[in-house]
Amino acid sequence: MQNRNEDSHDILGTFKIVSNKAEMNLIPRNPDQLIEMLLYRHKVLLSARTSKNPGLFKDKNNRAGETYFVDHGLVKGTLKKGYEYYQALKHPFSRAVYMMFMVSEIHPFLDGNGRIARVMMNAELTTADQAKIIIPTVYRDDYVGALRKLTRQAEPSAYIRMMLRAWKFSSTIPGENFDIMRSYLEECNAFKDHDQAKLKFRFP
C-alpha cells in the first residue's frame, strides 16, 4: 500500500505464516519449543518493523490502558508455566482459545502480540483439522471486551462464548473461491465497524 510500507509488510508477513500449511500444522510439544515457535513466527510477522525487535521478546514493560502485562523479565518463565496448563487440555478448541489468551495476556513482544496470539490459536485448530477462527471487524469490540473481562475480572465465560461464536461463524465461510468468500463476508457485514452493523451469523 502506498505510503504504508510497514503495514503492507505486516500483512505480507502474516500471510506468509498462515498460508504455509506445514508451518500451521506445527504446535509446541514442550515449553522450549513454544518459545522457539513464538520467536520465529514473530520474526516473520514483523520483519519490516526493526524498531519493534522482530523475533525478540520485549525488553521493557508494556500496557494497554489500565491493563499492565507480564514484566519483561518474567516472560519466558510465565510462558513455561503457562505451558503446563496448556498441555493438560485435550480438545482442540480448548487448547486454541487457551493459547490465544495466554500469549495475549503475557504480551511477550513490543508489538504484534494480538496477531501472534491468533496465529498460535489457529495453528492448534489447523493441526486438528478444525476450522480456523476469524475475528471479523464488526466483532472486534466483543472480542476486546471479552478479553478485557477475563483479564480484569478473572471471568472466562464471556471470552469462551465469544470465541465459540466466532468459531462457529468462521466454520461457515466458504474458502474455495476468493470472490464467493468476499461476497459472503460482505453480506454478513463482517467488514463494517461495530456501530454500523451487527454481524449476522449464518449457519448451514
N, C-alpha and C. Protein backbone atom coordinates (compact mmCIF):
# COMPACT_ATOMS: atom_id res chain seq x y z
N MET A 1 0.85 -1.19 0.00
CA MET A 1 0.00 0.00 0.00
C MET A 1 0.88 1.24 0.00
N GLN A 2 0.54 2.23 -0.84
CA GLN A 2 1.33 3.44 -0.96
C GLN A 2 1.42 4.18 0.36
N ASN A 3 2.64 4.58 0.72
CA ASN A 3 2.92 5.33 1.95
C ASN A 3 2.65 4.54 3.23
N ARG A 4 2.46 3.25 3.10
CA ARG A 4 2.22 2.41 4.30
C ARG A 4 3.07 1.14 4.18
N ASN A 5 4.36 1.35 4.08
CA ASN A 5 5.27 0.24 3.84
C ASN A 5 5.26 -0.78 4.97
N GLU A 6 5.31 -0.32 6.22
CA GLU A 6 5.34 -1.25 7.35
C GLU A 6 4.04 -2.03 7.47
N ASP A 7 2.90 -1.34 7.29
CA ASP A 7 1.61 -2.02 7.35
C ASP A 7 1.51 -3.08 6.25
N SER A 8 2.00 -2.73 5.07
CA SER A 8 1.96 -3.68 3.95
C SER A 8 2.77 -4.92 4.27
N HIS A 9 3.95 -4.72 4.83
CA HIS A 9 4.80 -5.86 5.17
C HIS A 9 4.22 -6.67 6.33
N ASP A 10 3.47 -6.02 7.22
CA ASP A 10 2.79 -6.76 8.29
C ASP A 10 1.80 -7.75 7.67
N ILE A 11 1.05 -7.28 6.68
CA ILE A 11 0.07 -8.14 6.02
C ILE A 11 0.77 -9.29 5.29
N LEU A 12 1.85 -8.96 4.59
CA LEU A 12 2.60 -10.00 3.87
C LEU A 12 3.21 -11.00 4.83
N GLY A 13 3.72 -10.52 5.95
CA GLY A 13 4.30 -11.42 6.94
C GLY A 13 3.27 -12.36 7.53
N THR A 14 2.09 -11.81 7.82
CA THR A 14 1.01 -12.64 8.34
C THR A 14 0.60 -13.69 7.32
N PHE A 15 0.46 -13.27 6.07
CA PHE A 15 0.09 -14.20 5.01
C PHE A 15 1.14 -15.30 4.84
N LYS A 16 2.41 -14.92 4.95
CA LYS A 16 3.49 -15.90 4.79
C LYS A 16 3.39 -17.01 5.82
N ILE A 17 2.94 -16.68 7.02
CA ILE A 17 2.79 -17.69 8.07
C ILE A 17 1.52 -18.50 7.87
N VAL A 18 0.37 -17.81 7.78
CA VAL A 18 -0.91 -18.53 7.80
C VAL A 18 -1.20 -19.28 6.51
N SER A 19 -0.52 -18.94 5.42
CA SER A 19 -0.72 -19.67 4.16
C SER A 19 0.23 -20.85 4.02
N ASN A 20 1.13 -21.00 4.97
CA ASN A 20 2.11 -22.09 4.96
C ASN A 20 1.52 -23.28 5.72
N LYS A 21 1.04 -24.27 4.99
CA LYS A 21 0.36 -25.40 5.62
C LYS A 21 1.28 -26.16 6.56
N ALA A 22 2.53 -26.29 6.18
CA ALA A 22 3.48 -27.00 7.05
C ALA A 22 3.67 -26.25 8.36
N GLU A 23 3.83 -24.94 8.25
CA GLU A 23 4.04 -24.14 9.46
C GLU A 23 2.81 -24.16 10.36
N MET A 24 1.63 -24.05 9.77
CA MET A 24 0.41 -24.01 10.55
C MET A 24 -0.01 -25.37 11.09
N ASN A 25 0.72 -26.40 10.71
CA ASN A 25 0.48 -27.72 11.29
C ASN A 25 1.48 -28.04 12.39
N LEU A 26 2.19 -27.02 12.86
CA LEU A 26 3.15 -27.21 13.95
C LEU A 26 2.59 -26.62 15.24
N ILE A 27 2.61 -27.40 16.29
CA ILE A 27 2.24 -26.92 17.62
C ILE A 27 3.33 -27.32 18.59
N PRO A 28 3.50 -26.61 19.69
CA PRO A 28 4.60 -26.90 20.62
C PRO A 28 4.41 -28.21 21.37
N ARG A 29 5.48 -28.98 21.43
CA ARG A 29 5.45 -30.25 22.15
C ARG A 29 6.13 -30.17 23.51
N ASN A 30 6.76 -29.02 23.77
CA ASN A 30 7.38 -28.78 25.07
C ASN A 30 7.53 -27.26 25.23
N PRO A 31 7.80 -26.77 26.44
CA PRO A 31 7.87 -25.32 26.64
C PRO A 31 8.97 -24.63 25.85
N ASP A 32 10.10 -25.28 25.66
CA ASP A 32 11.17 -24.67 24.88
C ASP A 32 10.76 -24.50 23.42
N GLN A 33 10.01 -25.46 22.91
CA GLN A 33 9.53 -25.37 21.53
C GLN A 33 8.50 -24.26 21.40
N LEU A 34 7.70 -24.06 22.43
CA LEU A 34 6.74 -22.95 22.43
C LEU A 34 7.47 -21.62 22.26
N ILE A 35 8.53 -21.43 23.00
CA ILE A 35 9.30 -20.20 22.93
C ILE A 35 9.94 -20.03 21.55
N GLU A 36 10.50 -21.11 21.02
CA GLU A 36 11.13 -21.06 19.70
C GLU A 36 10.12 -20.69 18.62
N MET A 37 8.93 -21.27 18.69
CA MET A 37 7.91 -21.01 17.68
C MET A 37 7.41 -19.57 17.76
N LEU A 38 7.23 -19.07 18.96
CA LEU A 38 6.79 -17.69 19.12
C LEU A 38 7.82 -16.72 18.53
N LEU A 39 9.08 -16.94 18.83
CA LEU A 39 10.13 -16.04 18.34
C LEU A 39 10.24 -16.09 16.81
N TYR A 40 10.18 -17.30 16.25
CA TYR A 40 10.29 -17.42 14.79
C TYR A 40 9.11 -16.77 14.09
N ARG A 41 7.91 -17.07 14.54
CA ARG A 41 6.73 -16.53 13.89
C ARG A 41 6.65 -15.01 14.04
N HIS A 42 7.05 -14.51 15.18
CA HIS A 42 7.07 -13.07 15.36
C HIS A 42 8.08 -12.41 14.43
N LYS A 43 9.21 -13.05 14.24
CA LYS A 43 10.24 -12.51 13.35
C LYS A 43 9.72 -12.38 11.92
N VAL A 44 8.95 -13.36 11.48
CA VAL A 44 8.38 -13.32 10.14
C VAL A 44 7.28 -12.26 10.06
N LEU A 45 6.41 -12.21 11.05
CA LEU A 45 5.28 -11.29 11.05
C LEU A 45 5.72 -9.83 11.02
N LEU A 46 6.73 -9.50 11.82
CA LEU A 46 7.13 -8.10 11.96
C LEU A 46 8.50 -7.82 11.34
N SER A 47 8.81 -8.51 10.27
CA SER A 47 10.14 -8.39 9.65
C SER A 47 10.47 -6.96 9.23
N ALA A 48 9.46 -6.16 8.90
CA ALA A 48 9.70 -4.80 8.42
C ALA A 48 9.78 -3.77 9.54
N ARG A 49 9.42 -4.16 10.74
CA ARG A 49 9.40 -3.20 11.85
C ARG A 49 10.61 -3.42 12.76
N THR A 50 11.76 -3.03 12.29
CA THR A 50 13.00 -3.27 13.04
C THR A 50 13.01 -2.58 14.39
N SER A 51 12.28 -1.49 14.53
CA SER A 51 12.24 -0.78 15.80
C SER A 51 11.49 -1.57 16.87
N LYS A 52 10.70 -2.57 16.43
CA LYS A 52 9.92 -3.39 17.36
C LYS A 52 10.61 -4.71 17.70
N ASN A 53 11.86 -4.85 17.31
CA ASN A 53 12.65 -6.05 17.64
C ASN A 53 11.98 -7.35 17.20
N PRO A 54 11.73 -7.52 15.91
CA PRO A 54 11.09 -8.77 15.45
C PRO A 54 11.91 -9.99 15.83
N GLY A 55 11.24 -10.98 16.39
CA GLY A 55 11.91 -12.21 16.79
C GLY A 55 12.56 -12.15 18.15
N LEU A 56 12.30 -11.08 18.90
CA LEU A 56 12.88 -10.93 20.24
C LEU A 56 11.77 -10.57 21.23
N PHE A 57 11.86 -11.12 22.43
CA PHE A 57 10.89 -10.75 23.46
C PHE A 57 11.12 -9.30 23.88
N LYS A 58 10.09 -8.70 24.45
CA LYS A 58 10.16 -7.29 24.84
C LYS A 58 11.28 -7.05 25.85
N ASP A 59 11.88 -5.88 25.76
CA ASP A 59 12.94 -5.50 26.69
C ASP A 59 12.50 -4.39 27.64
N LYS A 60 11.20 -4.08 27.59
CA LYS A 60 10.61 -3.14 28.54
C LYS A 60 9.15 -3.51 28.72
N ASN A 61 8.57 -3.05 29.78
CA ASN A 61 7.19 -3.43 30.08
C ASN A 61 6.21 -2.69 29.18
N ASN A 62 5.06 -3.31 28.93
CA ASN A 62 4.04 -2.71 28.09
C ASN A 62 2.68 -2.78 28.78
N ARG A 63 1.76 -1.96 28.27
CA ARG A 63 0.41 -1.89 28.86
C ARG A 63 -0.58 -1.48 27.79
N ALA A 64 -1.86 -1.70 28.07
CA ALA A 64 -2.94 -1.24 27.21
C ALA A 64 -3.97 -0.60 28.12
N GLY A 65 -4.04 0.73 28.12
CA GLY A 65 -4.93 1.41 29.04
C GLY A 65 -4.51 1.15 30.48
N GLU A 66 -5.43 0.60 31.25
CA GLU A 66 -5.14 0.29 32.65
C GLU A 66 -4.66 -1.16 32.85
N THR A 67 -4.47 -1.87 31.75
CA THR A 67 -4.01 -3.26 31.83
C THR A 67 -2.49 -3.31 31.68
N TYR A 68 -1.83 -3.81 32.71
CA TYR A 68 -0.38 -3.97 32.67
C TYR A 68 -0.08 -5.45 32.42
N PHE A 69 0.78 -5.70 31.45
CA PHE A 69 1.08 -7.08 31.08
C PHE A 69 2.29 -7.60 31.87
N VAL A 70 2.64 -8.84 31.64
CA VAL A 70 3.71 -9.51 32.39
C VAL A 70 5.02 -8.74 32.27
N ASP A 71 5.72 -8.62 33.37
CA ASP A 71 7.02 -7.95 33.40
C ASP A 71 7.95 -8.57 32.37
N HIS A 72 8.72 -7.73 31.68
CA HIS A 72 9.57 -8.24 30.61
C HIS A 72 10.59 -9.26 31.09
N GLY A 73 10.97 -9.20 32.35
CA GLY A 73 11.93 -10.17 32.87
C GLY A 73 11.31 -11.50 33.23
N LEU A 74 9.98 -11.59 33.17
CA LEU A 74 9.28 -12.81 33.58
C LEU A 74 8.60 -13.52 32.40
N VAL A 75 8.84 -13.04 31.19
CA VAL A 75 8.13 -13.58 30.03
C VAL A 75 8.40 -15.06 29.83
N LYS A 76 9.66 -15.46 29.75
CA LYS A 76 9.99 -16.87 29.49
C LYS A 76 9.46 -17.77 30.59
N GLY A 77 9.64 -17.37 31.83
CA GLY A 77 9.17 -18.20 32.93
C GLY A 77 7.66 -18.34 32.95
N THR A 78 6.95 -17.26 32.61
CA THR A 78 5.48 -17.31 32.59
C THR A 78 4.99 -18.20 31.45
N LEU A 79 5.66 -18.12 30.29
CA LEU A 79 5.29 -18.98 29.17
C LEU A 79 5.50 -20.45 29.52
N LYS A 80 6.60 -20.75 30.19
CA LYS A 80 6.87 -22.14 30.57
C LYS A 80 5.86 -22.64 31.58
N LYS A 81 5.48 -21.80 32.52
CA LYS A 81 4.47 -22.19 33.50
C LYS A 81 3.11 -22.33 32.82
N GLY A 82 2.79 -21.42 31.92
CA GLY A 82 1.53 -21.49 31.20
C GLY A 82 1.42 -22.74 30.36
N TYR A 83 2.55 -23.21 29.87
CA TYR A 83 2.54 -24.43 29.05
C TYR A 83 2.05 -25.63 29.85
N GLU A 84 2.30 -25.65 31.15
CA GLU A 84 1.85 -26.77 31.98
C GLU A 84 0.33 -26.90 31.94
N TYR A 85 -0.37 -25.78 31.94
CA TYR A 85 -1.83 -25.81 31.87
C TYR A 85 -2.29 -26.17 30.45
N TYR A 86 -1.59 -25.64 29.49
CA TYR A 86 -1.91 -25.91 28.08
C TYR A 86 -1.87 -27.40 27.78
N GLN A 87 -0.82 -28.07 28.22
CA GLN A 87 -0.66 -29.47 27.87
C GLN A 87 -1.68 -30.38 28.56
N ALA A 88 -2.35 -29.85 29.57
CA ALA A 88 -3.39 -30.63 30.25
C ALA A 88 -4.71 -30.61 29.48
N LEU A 89 -4.85 -29.69 28.54
CA LEU A 89 -6.07 -29.58 27.75
C LEU A 89 -6.04 -30.55 26.57
N LYS A 90 -7.17 -31.11 26.22
CA LYS A 90 -7.22 -32.13 25.17
C LYS A 90 -8.01 -31.68 23.93
N HIS A 91 -9.12 -30.97 24.13
CA HIS A 91 -9.95 -30.59 22.99
C HIS A 91 -9.27 -29.47 22.20
N PRO A 92 -9.24 -29.56 20.86
CA PRO A 92 -8.57 -28.53 20.05
C PRO A 92 -9.07 -27.12 20.32
N PHE A 93 -10.38 -26.95 20.51
CA PHE A 93 -10.90 -25.62 20.78
C PHE A 93 -10.39 -25.10 22.11
N SER A 94 -10.37 -25.95 23.12
CA SER A 94 -9.87 -25.55 24.44
C SER A 94 -8.41 -25.13 24.37
N ARG A 95 -7.62 -25.93 23.68
CA ARG A 95 -6.19 -25.62 23.53
C ARG A 95 -6.00 -24.32 22.75
N ALA A 96 -6.82 -24.13 21.73
CA ALA A 96 -6.68 -22.95 20.88
C ALA A 96 -7.00 -21.66 21.64
N VAL A 97 -8.13 -21.63 22.32
CA VAL A 97 -8.52 -20.39 23.00
C VAL A 97 -7.65 -20.14 24.23
N TYR A 98 -7.16 -21.21 24.85
CA TYR A 98 -6.22 -21.01 25.95
C TYR A 98 -4.90 -20.43 25.44
N MET A 99 -4.39 -20.98 24.35
CA MET A 99 -3.14 -20.49 23.77
C MET A 99 -3.28 -19.02 23.38
N MET A 100 -4.40 -18.67 22.76
CA MET A 100 -4.62 -17.30 22.35
C MET A 100 -4.61 -16.35 23.55
N PHE A 101 -5.32 -16.72 24.60
CA PHE A 101 -5.38 -15.85 25.76
C PHE A 101 -4.04 -15.77 26.48
N MET A 102 -3.35 -16.89 26.59
CA MET A 102 -2.07 -16.89 27.30
C MET A 102 -1.08 -15.94 26.64
N VAL A 103 -0.94 -16.04 25.32
CA VAL A 103 0.00 -15.17 24.62
C VAL A 103 -0.45 -13.71 24.71
N SER A 104 -1.74 -13.47 24.53
CA SER A 104 -2.25 -12.11 24.62
C SER A 104 -2.05 -11.53 26.01
N GLU A 105 -2.27 -12.33 27.02
CA GLU A 105 -2.17 -11.86 28.40
C GLU A 105 -0.73 -11.58 28.81
N ILE A 106 0.19 -12.42 28.35
CA ILE A 106 1.60 -12.20 28.65
C ILE A 106 2.14 -11.01 27.86
N HIS A 107 1.64 -10.85 26.62
CA HIS A 107 2.10 -9.77 25.74
C HIS A 107 3.62 -9.78 25.66
N PRO A 108 4.19 -10.85 25.13
CA PRO A 108 5.65 -11.05 25.21
C PRO A 108 6.48 -10.15 24.31
N PHE A 109 5.85 -9.46 23.36
CA PHE A 109 6.60 -8.66 22.39
C PHE A 109 6.23 -7.17 22.50
N LEU A 110 7.06 -6.33 21.92
CA LEU A 110 6.79 -4.90 21.91
C LEU A 110 5.58 -4.58 21.04
N ASP A 111 5.36 -5.37 20.00
CA ASP A 111 4.25 -5.12 19.07
C ASP A 111 3.87 -6.44 18.41
N GLY A 112 2.66 -6.50 17.87
CA GLY A 112 2.23 -7.70 17.16
C GLY A 112 1.72 -8.81 18.05
N ASN A 113 1.42 -8.53 19.30
CA ASN A 113 1.01 -9.59 20.23
C ASN A 113 -0.34 -10.20 19.87
N GLY A 114 -1.29 -9.37 19.45
CA GLY A 114 -2.59 -9.91 19.07
C GLY A 114 -2.50 -10.82 17.87
N ARG A 115 -1.72 -10.39 16.88
CA ARG A 115 -1.57 -11.20 15.66
C ARG A 115 -0.89 -12.53 15.96
N ILE A 116 0.18 -12.49 16.73
CA ILE A 116 0.90 -13.74 17.00
C ILE A 116 0.05 -14.66 17.87
N ALA A 117 -0.78 -14.08 18.76
CA ALA A 117 -1.66 -14.90 19.59
C ALA A 117 -2.69 -15.63 18.72
N ARG A 118 -3.23 -14.93 17.72
CA ARG A 118 -4.23 -15.57 16.85
C ARG A 118 -3.60 -16.57 15.89
N VAL A 119 -2.36 -16.33 15.49
CA VAL A 119 -1.65 -17.32 14.68
C VAL A 119 -1.45 -18.60 15.48
N MET A 120 -1.01 -18.47 16.72
CA MET A 120 -0.79 -19.64 17.57
C MET A 120 -2.11 -20.38 17.82
N MET A 121 -3.18 -19.63 18.00
CA MET A 121 -4.50 -20.23 18.20
C MET A 121 -4.91 -21.05 16.98
N ASN A 122 -4.78 -20.48 15.80
CA ASN A 122 -5.24 -21.17 14.61
C ASN A 122 -4.35 -22.33 14.21
N ALA A 123 -3.09 -22.31 14.63
CA ALA A 123 -2.24 -23.48 14.39
C ALA A 123 -2.78 -24.68 15.17
N GLU A 124 -3.30 -24.44 16.36
CA GLU A 124 -3.89 -25.52 17.15
C GLU A 124 -5.07 -26.15 16.41
N LEU A 125 -5.91 -25.31 15.82
CA LEU A 125 -7.09 -25.81 15.11
C LEU A 125 -6.72 -26.47 13.80
N THR A 126 -5.77 -25.87 13.07
CA THR A 126 -5.33 -26.45 11.80
C THR A 126 -4.74 -27.84 12.01
N THR A 127 -3.94 -27.98 13.04
CA THR A 127 -3.30 -29.27 13.33
C THR A 127 -4.34 -30.36 13.58
N ALA A 128 -5.47 -29.95 14.17
CA ALA A 128 -6.54 -30.90 14.48
C ALA A 128 -7.56 -31.00 13.35
N ASP A 129 -7.27 -30.39 12.18
CA ASP A 129 -8.16 -30.41 11.04
C ASP A 129 -9.51 -29.79 11.37
N GLN A 130 -9.47 -28.70 12.13
CA GLN A 130 -10.68 -27.97 12.51
C GLN A 130 -10.70 -26.62 11.79
N ALA A 131 -11.86 -26.02 11.71
CA ALA A 131 -11.98 -24.68 11.13
C ALA A 131 -11.20 -23.68 11.97
N LYS A 132 -10.53 -22.76 11.28
CA LYS A 132 -9.81 -21.70 11.98
C LYS A 132 -10.80 -20.65 12.48
N ILE A 133 -10.33 -19.76 13.34
CA ILE A 133 -11.17 -18.70 13.89
C ILE A 133 -10.76 -17.37 13.30
N ILE A 134 -11.72 -16.69 12.69
CA ILE A 134 -11.52 -15.35 12.15
C ILE A 134 -12.31 -14.37 13.03
N ILE A 135 -11.68 -13.27 13.39
CA ILE A 135 -12.38 -12.23 14.14
C ILE A 135 -12.74 -11.12 13.15
N PRO A 136 -14.00 -11.05 12.71
CA PRO A 136 -14.39 -10.01 11.76
C PRO A 136 -14.29 -8.62 12.38
N THR A 137 -14.12 -7.61 11.56
CA THR A 137 -14.03 -6.23 12.04
C THR A 137 -15.23 -5.86 12.90
N VAL A 138 -16.42 -6.27 12.46
CA VAL A 138 -17.64 -5.92 13.17
C VAL A 138 -17.71 -6.57 14.55
N TYR A 139 -16.91 -7.57 14.78
CA TYR A 139 -16.93 -8.32 16.04
C TYR A 139 -15.79 -7.90 16.97
N ARG A 140 -15.01 -6.91 16.57
CA ARG A 140 -13.82 -6.56 17.32
C ARG A 140 -14.13 -6.08 18.74
N ASP A 141 -15.16 -5.27 18.91
CA ASP A 141 -15.50 -4.76 20.24
C ASP A 141 -15.88 -5.89 21.19
N ASP A 142 -16.61 -6.87 20.69
CA ASP A 142 -16.97 -8.04 21.51
C ASP A 142 -15.72 -8.81 21.91
N TYR A 143 -14.82 -8.96 20.95
CA TYR A 143 -13.56 -9.68 21.16
C TYR A 143 -12.71 -8.99 22.23
N VAL A 144 -12.51 -7.70 22.08
CA VAL A 144 -11.68 -6.95 23.03
C VAL A 144 -12.35 -6.90 24.40
N GLY A 145 -13.66 -6.71 24.42
CA GLY A 145 -14.39 -6.64 25.68
C GLY A 145 -14.32 -7.94 26.47
N ALA A 146 -14.45 -9.05 25.78
CA ALA A 146 -14.39 -10.35 26.46
C ALA A 146 -12.98 -10.62 26.98
N LEU A 147 -11.97 -10.28 26.21
CA LEU A 147 -10.59 -10.42 26.68
C LEU A 147 -10.35 -9.56 27.91
N ARG A 148 -10.83 -8.32 27.87
CA ARG A 148 -10.63 -7.40 28.99
C ARG A 148 -11.33 -7.92 30.26
N LYS A 149 -12.51 -8.49 30.09
CA LYS A 149 -13.25 -9.01 31.24
C LYS A 149 -12.51 -10.17 31.89
N LEU A 150 -11.93 -11.03 31.07
CA LEU A 150 -11.17 -12.14 31.62
C LEU A 150 -9.91 -11.64 32.31
N THR A 151 -9.26 -10.65 31.74
CA THR A 151 -8.04 -10.10 32.32
C THR A 151 -8.32 -9.39 33.64
N ARG A 152 -9.31 -8.55 33.67
CA ARG A 152 -9.54 -7.68 34.83
C ARG A 152 -10.43 -8.28 35.89
N GLN A 153 -11.33 -9.21 35.49
CA GLN A 153 -12.29 -9.76 36.45
C GLN A 153 -12.14 -11.25 36.64
N ALA A 154 -11.17 -11.86 35.95
CA ALA A 154 -10.96 -13.31 36.02
C ALA A 154 -12.25 -14.06 35.70
N GLU A 155 -13.00 -13.53 34.73
CA GLU A 155 -14.27 -14.11 34.32
C GLU A 155 -14.13 -14.66 32.91
N PRO A 156 -14.03 -16.00 32.77
CA PRO A 156 -13.75 -16.59 31.46
C PRO A 156 -14.98 -16.87 30.60
N SER A 157 -16.18 -16.89 31.18
CA SER A 157 -17.35 -17.36 30.43
C SER A 157 -17.64 -16.49 29.21
N ALA A 158 -17.53 -15.16 29.34
CA ALA A 158 -17.81 -14.29 28.20
C ALA A 158 -16.79 -14.51 27.08
N TYR A 159 -15.55 -14.72 27.46
CA TYR A 159 -14.49 -14.98 26.47
C TYR A 159 -14.75 -16.28 25.73
N ILE A 160 -15.11 -17.32 26.45
CA ILE A 160 -15.35 -18.62 25.83
C ILE A 160 -16.56 -18.54 24.90
N ARG A 161 -17.63 -17.88 25.34
CA ARG A 161 -18.82 -17.74 24.49
C ARG A 161 -18.49 -16.94 23.23
N MET A 162 -17.73 -15.88 23.39
CA MET A 162 -17.36 -15.04 22.25
C MET A 162 -16.54 -15.82 21.24
N MET A 163 -15.54 -16.57 21.70
CA MET A 163 -14.68 -17.33 20.81
C MET A 163 -15.45 -18.47 20.14
N LEU A 164 -16.36 -19.09 20.88
CA LEU A 164 -17.16 -20.17 20.32
C LEU A 164 -18.07 -19.63 19.21
N ARG A 165 -18.63 -18.46 19.43
CA ARG A 165 -19.49 -17.84 18.41
C ARG A 165 -18.68 -17.50 17.16
N ALA A 166 -17.49 -16.95 17.35
CA ALA A 166 -16.63 -16.62 16.22
C ALA A 166 -16.20 -17.88 15.48
N TRP A 167 -15.95 -18.96 16.22
CA TRP A 167 -15.52 -20.23 15.61
C TRP A 167 -16.65 -20.81 14.76
N LYS A 168 -17.86 -20.80 15.31
CA LYS A 168 -19.00 -21.34 14.57
C LYS A 168 -19.24 -20.53 13.29
N PHE A 169 -19.13 -19.20 13.41
CA PHE A 169 -19.30 -18.38 12.22
C PHE A 169 -18.20 -18.66 11.21
N SER A 170 -16.97 -18.72 11.65
CA SER A 170 -15.83 -18.94 10.76
C SER A 170 -15.97 -20.26 10.00
N SER A 171 -16.57 -21.24 10.64
CA SER A 171 -16.72 -22.56 10.01
C SER A 171 -17.69 -22.53 8.83
N THR A 172 -18.50 -21.47 8.73
CA THR A 172 -19.47 -21.38 7.63
C THR A 172 -18.91 -20.63 6.42
N ILE A 173 -17.74 -20.03 6.55
CA ILE A 173 -17.19 -19.21 5.47
C ILE A 173 -16.68 -20.11 4.35
N PRO A 174 -17.18 -19.95 3.13
CA PRO A 174 -16.69 -20.77 2.01
C PRO A 174 -15.28 -20.32 1.61
N GLY A 175 -14.35 -21.25 1.55
CA GLY A 175 -12.96 -20.87 1.31
C GLY A 175 -12.38 -21.30 -0.01
N GLU A 176 -13.18 -21.89 -0.88
CA GLU A 176 -12.65 -22.42 -2.14
C GLU A 176 -12.46 -21.34 -3.21
N ASN A 177 -13.23 -20.26 -3.11
CA ASN A 177 -13.19 -19.21 -4.13
C ASN A 177 -13.17 -17.85 -3.45
N PHE A 178 -12.17 -17.02 -3.80
CA PHE A 178 -11.99 -15.74 -3.13
C PHE A 178 -13.19 -14.83 -3.29
N ASP A 179 -13.71 -14.71 -4.49
CA ASP A 179 -14.83 -13.81 -4.75
C ASP A 179 -16.08 -14.22 -3.99
N ILE A 180 -16.34 -15.52 -3.96
CA ILE A 180 -17.51 -16.03 -3.23
C ILE A 180 -17.34 -15.77 -1.74
N MET A 181 -16.12 -16.00 -1.24
CA MET A 181 -15.85 -15.78 0.18
C MET A 181 -16.03 -14.30 0.55
N ARG A 182 -15.50 -13.42 -0.27
CA ARG A 182 -15.62 -11.98 0.00
C ARG A 182 -17.09 -11.53 -0.02
N SER A 183 -17.84 -12.03 -0.98
CA SER A 183 -19.25 -11.67 -1.06
C SER A 183 -20.01 -12.15 0.17
N TYR A 184 -19.67 -13.35 0.61
CA TYR A 184 -20.32 -13.90 1.81
C TYR A 184 -20.02 -13.03 3.03
N LEU A 185 -18.75 -12.63 3.20
CA LEU A 185 -18.37 -11.81 4.34
C LEU A 185 -19.01 -10.43 4.28
N GLU A 186 -19.12 -9.87 3.09
CA GLU A 186 -19.78 -8.58 2.93
C GLU A 186 -21.26 -8.69 3.28
N GLU A 187 -21.88 -9.77 2.86
CA GLU A 187 -23.29 -9.99 3.15
C GLU A 187 -23.52 -10.11 4.66
N CYS A 188 -22.54 -10.62 5.35
CA CYS A 188 -22.63 -10.79 6.81
C CYS A 188 -22.17 -9.55 7.57
N ASN A 189 -21.85 -8.47 6.88
CA ASN A 189 -21.39 -7.22 7.50
C ASN A 189 -20.05 -7.36 8.20
N ALA A 190 -19.26 -8.34 7.80
CA ALA A 190 -18.02 -8.66 8.52
C ALA A 190 -17.00 -7.53 8.48
N PHE A 191 -17.02 -6.71 7.43
CA PHE A 191 -16.02 -5.66 7.28
C PHE A 191 -16.45 -4.32 7.87
N LYS A 192 -17.66 -4.25 8.39
CA LYS A 192 -18.17 -2.99 8.93
C LYS A 192 -17.72 -2.79 10.37
N ASP A 193 -17.71 -1.52 10.80
CA ASP A 193 -17.41 -1.23 12.19
C ASP A 193 -18.57 -1.68 13.06
N HIS A 194 -18.27 -1.87 14.34
CA HIS A 194 -19.26 -2.40 15.27
C HIS A 194 -20.52 -1.54 15.32
N ASP A 195 -20.35 -0.22 15.26
CA ASP A 195 -21.50 0.66 15.38
C ASP A 195 -22.29 0.81 14.08
N GLN A 196 -21.80 0.18 13.01
CA GLN A 196 -22.50 0.26 11.72
C GLN A 196 -23.48 -0.89 11.53
N ALA A 197 -23.11 -2.06 12.03
CA ALA A 197 -23.98 -3.23 11.83
C ALA A 197 -23.58 -4.34 12.77
N LYS A 198 -24.55 -5.08 13.21
CA LYS A 198 -24.29 -6.28 13.99
C LYS A 198 -24.01 -7.43 13.03
N LEU A 199 -23.03 -8.24 13.34
CA LEU A 199 -22.68 -9.35 12.47
C LEU A 199 -23.82 -10.35 12.42
N LYS A 200 -24.26 -10.68 11.23
CA LYS A 200 -25.33 -11.65 11.05
C LYS A 200 -24.69 -13.02 10.84
N PHE A 201 -24.71 -13.84 11.84
CA PHE A 201 -24.11 -15.16 11.68
C PHE A 201 -25.03 -16.06 10.86
N ARG A 202 -24.42 -16.80 9.96
CA ARG A 202 -25.17 -17.71 9.09
C ARG A 202 -24.61 -19.11 9.25
N PHE A 203 -25.50 -20.04 9.41
CA PHE A 203 -25.07 -21.42 9.58
C PHE A 203 -25.71 -22.29 8.51
N PRO A 204 -24.99 -23.33 8.11
CA PRO A 204 -25.53 -24.23 7.06
C PRO A 204 -26.86 -24.82 7.49
